[in-house]
Amino acid sequence: MTQNTTAAESPSTATSTAPFATSATPATPLRVAVIIGSNREGRFGPIVAEWLLARIREHADFEVDVIDLAESHLPTALSFNPSPETLAELGKVTPKLAAADAFVVLTPEYNHSYPASLKSLIDWHNAEWQAKPLAFVSYGGLSGGLRAVEHLRPVFAELHTMTIRDTVSFHNAGGLFADDGTHKDPTAANAAAKSMLDQLHWWAWALRSAKEVRPYGS
């Protein structure tokens, strides 16, 4: 497991107090959508997801929605006139994306990149991603899924999504978790997750507050 960290700069009181004097206070719960990106048969994702969800639920300022792409079957062929079947599949995921103040994408690495199921979810949506922060948790072999994360960053930049620099990644993930799904030595991973989620919360609050004052793109 690795974590990338940078020190966050504190905004000055002179420039931040007036624009952010809104109803969105740090004590107001923020809704985070956790996206389990793999739908592969025999996937390891649910084990990492349970660890991740436990960390998020420890963060009192987050409310959680889960989008498991194994339970959604969006077609890869996009359409401006979706079929009733596709609309039903979109109904499983679009409201959760729209309601989210922030996202955490959980992804493995397939052939140096991320799963097609995740790309399909991304491409079926646009405004739902905009002006919101997104964090990554990845897993895999030697690379820990980090190459998938680096492929995802420019995709989300195109959608006006603010990606968190810090990530949590599990290298040789299968050996890090016990048969019952618990992390064998969680201290470092838990600390990395807390740092990442603290940053995600700051950005989610700041962006939600800013949009209450002035809608994004106006």
Protein backbone atom coordinates (compact mmCIF):
# COMPACT_ATOMS: atom_id res chain seq x y z
CA MET A 1 0.00 0.00 0.00
CA THR A 2 1.34 3.42 -0.90
CA GLN A 3 0.14 6.93 -0.37
CA ASN A 4 1.10 10.13 -2.16
CA THR A 5 0.88 13.22 0.02
CA THR A 6 1.28 16.96 -0.28
CA ALA A 7 0.74 19.68 2.29
CA ALA A 8 -2.47 21.65 1.81
CA GLU A 9 -2.23 25.43 1.95
CA SER A 10 -4.69 27.28 4.18
CA PRO A 11 -6.79 29.91 2.38
CA SER A 12 -6.45 33.40 3.80
CA THR A 13 -9.28 34.75 5.91
CA ALA A 14 -9.49 37.89 3.77
CA THR A 15 -10.28 35.99 0.59
CA SER A 16 -12.33 33.08 1.89
CA THR A 17 -14.70 34.29 4.60
CA ALA A 18 -17.20 36.26 2.49
CA PRO A 19 -17.67 33.88 -0.47
CA PHE A 20 -18.14 30.82 1.72
CA ALA A 21 -20.48 32.26 4.35
CA THR A 22 -23.27 29.89 3.24
CA SER A 23 -25.40 27.13 4.68
CA ALA A 24 -22.84 24.51 3.65
CA THR A 25 -20.77 24.36 6.80
CA PRO A 26 -18.11 21.72 7.52
CA ALA A 27 -20.58 20.13 9.97
CA THR A 28 -23.13 19.54 7.19
CA PRO A 29 -22.86 15.93 5.94
CA LEU A 30 -21.47 15.59 2.45
CA ARG A 31 -22.68 12.80 0.17
CA VAL A 32 -19.90 10.69 -1.33
CA ALA A 33 -20.50 8.09 -4.02
CA VAL A 34 -18.17 5.10 -3.90
CA ILE A 35 -17.80 3.53 -7.34
CA ILE A 36 -16.66 -0.10 -7.45
CA GLY A 37 -15.16 -0.07 -10.91
CA SER A 38 -14.73 -3.73 -11.77
CA ASN A 39 -17.46 -6.11 -12.90
CA ARG A 40 -15.06 -8.94 -13.63
CA GLU A 41 -15.96 -12.49 -12.59
CA GLY A 42 -13.98 -13.42 -9.47
CA ARG A 43 -13.01 -9.79 -8.85
CA PHE A 44 -11.13 -8.74 -5.72
CA GLY A 45 -12.87 -5.37 -5.59
CA PRO A 46 -15.57 -6.16 -3.00
CA ILE A 47 -12.91 -7.02 -0.40
CA VAL A 48 -11.14 -3.69 -0.85
CA ALA A 49 -14.52 -1.96 -1.01
CA GLU A 50 -15.54 -3.23 2.42
CA TRP A 51 -12.30 -1.91 3.89
CA LEU A 52 -12.83 1.43 2.12
CA LEU A 53 -16.47 1.78 3.18
CA ALA A 54 -15.51 1.15 6.81
CA ARG A 55 -12.99 4.01 6.61
CA ILE A 56 -15.54 6.38 5.06
CA ARG A 57 -18.18 5.52 7.65
CA GLU A 58 -15.69 6.43 10.36
CA HIS A 59 -15.65 9.93 8.87
CA ALA A 60 -18.62 11.57 10.56
CA ASP A 61 -19.05 14.23 7.87
CA PHE A 62 -19.76 11.81 5.01
CA GLU A 63 -22.92 10.02 3.93
CA VAL A 64 -22.25 7.15 1.52
CA ASP A 65 -23.85 5.83 -1.64
CA VAL A 66 -22.39 2.76 -3.37
CA ILE A 67 -22.37 2.27 -7.13
CA ASP A 68 -21.29 -1.31 -7.87
CA LEU A 69 -20.74 -1.74 -11.60
CA ALA A 70 -21.32 -5.48 -11.30
CA GLU A 71 -24.95 -4.55 -10.59
CA SER A 72 -25.23 -2.12 -13.51
CA HIS A 73 -25.13 -3.09 -17.17
CA LEU A 74 -24.64 0.05 -19.21
CA PRO A 75 -23.94 -0.61 -22.89
CA THR A 76 -20.66 0.54 -24.39
CA ALA A 77 -22.54 1.97 -27.40
CA LEU A 78 -23.63 5.47 -26.39
CA SER A 79 -26.92 6.88 -27.62
CA PHE A 80 -28.78 10.19 -27.55
CA ASN A 81 -32.01 8.16 -27.51
CA PRO A 82 -31.41 5.34 -25.00
CA SER A 83 -33.64 2.29 -25.07
CA PRO A 84 -35.99 1.58 -22.17
CA GLU A 85 -33.55 -1.09 -20.99
CA THR A 86 -30.67 1.40 -20.96
CA LEU A 87 -32.79 4.01 -19.21
CA ALA A 88 -33.52 1.43 -16.50
CA GLU A 89 -29.79 0.82 -16.06
CA LEU A 90 -29.09 4.55 -15.95
CA GLY A 91 -31.76 4.85 -13.28
CA LYS A 92 -29.61 2.69 -11.01
CA VAL A 93 -26.60 5.01 -11.15
CA THR A 94 -27.40 8.50 -12.48
CA PRO A 95 -29.35 9.74 -9.43
CA LYS A 96 -26.51 8.71 -7.12
CA LEU A 97 -23.92 10.50 -9.27
CA ALA A 98 -26.08 13.62 -9.48
CA ALA A 99 -26.67 13.71 -5.71
CA ALA A 100 -23.00 13.21 -4.82
CA ASP A 101 -20.85 16.04 -3.52
CA ALA A 102 -17.74 13.89 -4.05
CA PHE A 103 -16.63 10.54 -5.43
CA VAL A 104 -14.21 7.76 -4.57
CA VAL A 105 -13.35 5.49 -7.50
CA LEU A 106 -12.11 2.02 -6.60
CA THR A 107 -10.31 0.52 -9.57
CA PRO A 108 -8.09 -2.41 -10.46
CA GLU A 109 -5.58 -2.30 -13.29
CA TYR A 110 -6.26 -4.29 -16.44
CA ASN A 111 -3.49 -4.22 -19.08
CA HIS A 112 -1.99 -0.96 -17.77
CA SER A 113 -5.39 0.76 -17.62
CA TYR A 114 -8.83 0.69 -16.03
CA PRO A 115 -11.92 -1.49 -16.68
CA ALA A 116 -14.28 -0.93 -19.60
CA SER A 117 -17.22 -0.96 -17.16
CA LEU A 118 -15.80 2.15 -15.49
CA LYS A 119 -15.25 3.96 -18.81
CA SER A 120 -18.83 3.20 -19.80
CA LEU A 121 -20.18 4.73 -16.58
CA ILE A 122 -18.04 7.81 -17.10
CA ASP A 123 -19.05 8.34 -20.73
CA TRP A 124 -22.79 8.00 -20.12
CA HIS A 125 -22.64 11.07 -17.86
CA ASN A 126 -21.36 14.61 -18.05
CA ALA A 127 -22.86 17.28 -15.78
CA GLU A 128 -23.00 14.81 -12.89
CA TRP A 129 -19.18 14.87 -12.69
CA GLN A 130 -18.61 18.60 -13.01
CA ALA A 131 -17.06 20.76 -10.28
CA LYS A 132 -16.84 17.91 -7.78
CA PRO A 133 -13.78 16.29 -6.20
CA LEU A 134 -12.82 12.68 -6.78
CA ALA A 135 -10.36 10.41 -4.97
CA PHE A 136 -8.85 7.12 -6.10
CA VAL A 137 -8.28 3.82 -4.34
CA SER A 138 -6.55 1.24 -6.52
CA TYR A 139 -5.35 -2.32 -6.23
CA GLY A 140 -3.41 -4.80 -8.30
CA GLY A 141 -0.07 -6.57 -8.55
CA LEU A 142 3.30 -4.86 -8.45
CA SER A 143 1.92 -1.51 -9.62
CA GLY A 144 -0.99 -1.47 -7.18
CA GLY A 145 -3.31 -0.17 -9.88
CA LEU A 146 -1.54 3.18 -10.12
CA ARG A 147 -1.28 3.06 -13.92
CA ALA A 148 -5.06 2.82 -14.08
CA VAL A 149 -5.32 5.88 -11.84
CA GLU A 150 -2.98 7.90 -14.05
CA HIS A 151 -5.07 7.01 -17.11
CA LEU A 152 -8.21 8.14 -15.31
CA ARG A 153 -6.93 11.57 -14.27
CA PRO A 154 -7.03 13.18 -17.76
CA VAL A 155 -10.42 11.59 -18.43
CA PHE A 156 -11.91 13.26 -15.37
CA ALA A 157 -10.07 16.51 -16.11
CA GLU A 158 -11.97 16.61 -19.41
CA LEU A 159 -15.20 16.37 -17.39
CA HIS A 160 -14.23 19.28 -15.08
CA THR A 161 -13.75 16.94 -12.12
CA MET A 162 -11.14 17.87 -9.51
CA THR A 163 -9.04 14.77 -8.74
CA ILE A 164 -7.32 14.50 -5.36
CA ARG A 165 -3.57 14.17 -5.68
CA ASP A 166 -3.22 11.67 -2.80
CA THR A 167 -4.21 8.08 -3.54
CA VAL A 168 -4.38 4.82 -1.61
CA SER A 169 -3.03 1.84 -3.54
CA PHE A 170 -2.68 -1.82 -2.63
CA HIS A 171 0.27 -3.58 -4.22
CA ASN A 172 -0.03 -7.37 -4.49
CA ALA A 173 -3.41 -6.85 -2.90
CA GLY A 174 -4.32 -10.51 -2.56
CA GLY A 175 -1.61 -11.04 0.04
CA LEU A 176 -2.64 -8.06 2.20
CA PHE A 177 -6.08 -9.31 3.24
CA ALA A 178 -7.01 -12.35 5.31
CA ASP A 179 -9.51 -14.97 4.18
CA ASP A 180 -12.28 -13.19 6.10
CA GLY A 181 -11.61 -9.95 4.17
CA THR A 182 -9.88 -8.04 6.96
CA HIS A 183 -6.63 -6.21 6.32
CA LYS A 184 -3.73 -8.08 7.95
CA ASP A 185 -1.81 -4.94 8.93
CA PRO A 186 -4.14 -1.97 8.48
CA THR A 187 -2.30 0.80 10.33
CA ALA A 188 -0.59 2.43 7.35
CA ALA A 189 -3.53 1.90 5.01
CA ASN A 190 -6.01 3.36 7.49
CA ALA A 191 -3.82 6.42 8.03
CA ALA A 192 -3.45 6.94 4.28
CA ALA A 193 -7.21 6.66 3.82
CA LYS A 194 -7.88 9.20 6.57
CA SER A 195 -5.51 11.72 4.98
CA MET A 196 -7.09 11.22 1.56
CA LEU A 197 -10.65 11.47 2.89
CA ASP A 198 -9.83 14.60 4.87
CA GLN A 199 -8.64 16.23 1.64
CA LEU A 200 -11.69 14.97 -0.24
CA HIS A 201 -13.95 16.45 2.44
CA TRP A 202 -12.22 19.84 2.27
CA TRP A 203 -12.60 20.04 -1.50
CA ALA A 204 -16.19 18.76 -1.41
CA TRP A 205 -17.20 21.38 1.13
CA ALA A 206 -15.33 24.17 -0.67
CA LEU A 207 -16.79 23.36 -4.08
CA ARG A 208 -20.32 22.85 -2.78
CA SER A 209 -20.10 26.16 -0.93
CA ALA A 210 -18.80 27.96 -4.01
CA LYS A 211 -21.61 26.55 -6.18
CA GLU A 212 -24.19 27.80 -3.70
CA VAL A 213 -22.85 31.32 -4.22
CA ARG A 214 -22.32 31.01 -7.98
CA PRO A 215 -23.34 28.02 -10.14
CA TYR A 216 -20.43 26.41 -11.93
CA GLY A 217 -19.90 27.77 -15.41
CA SER A 218 -21.98 30.90 -14.87
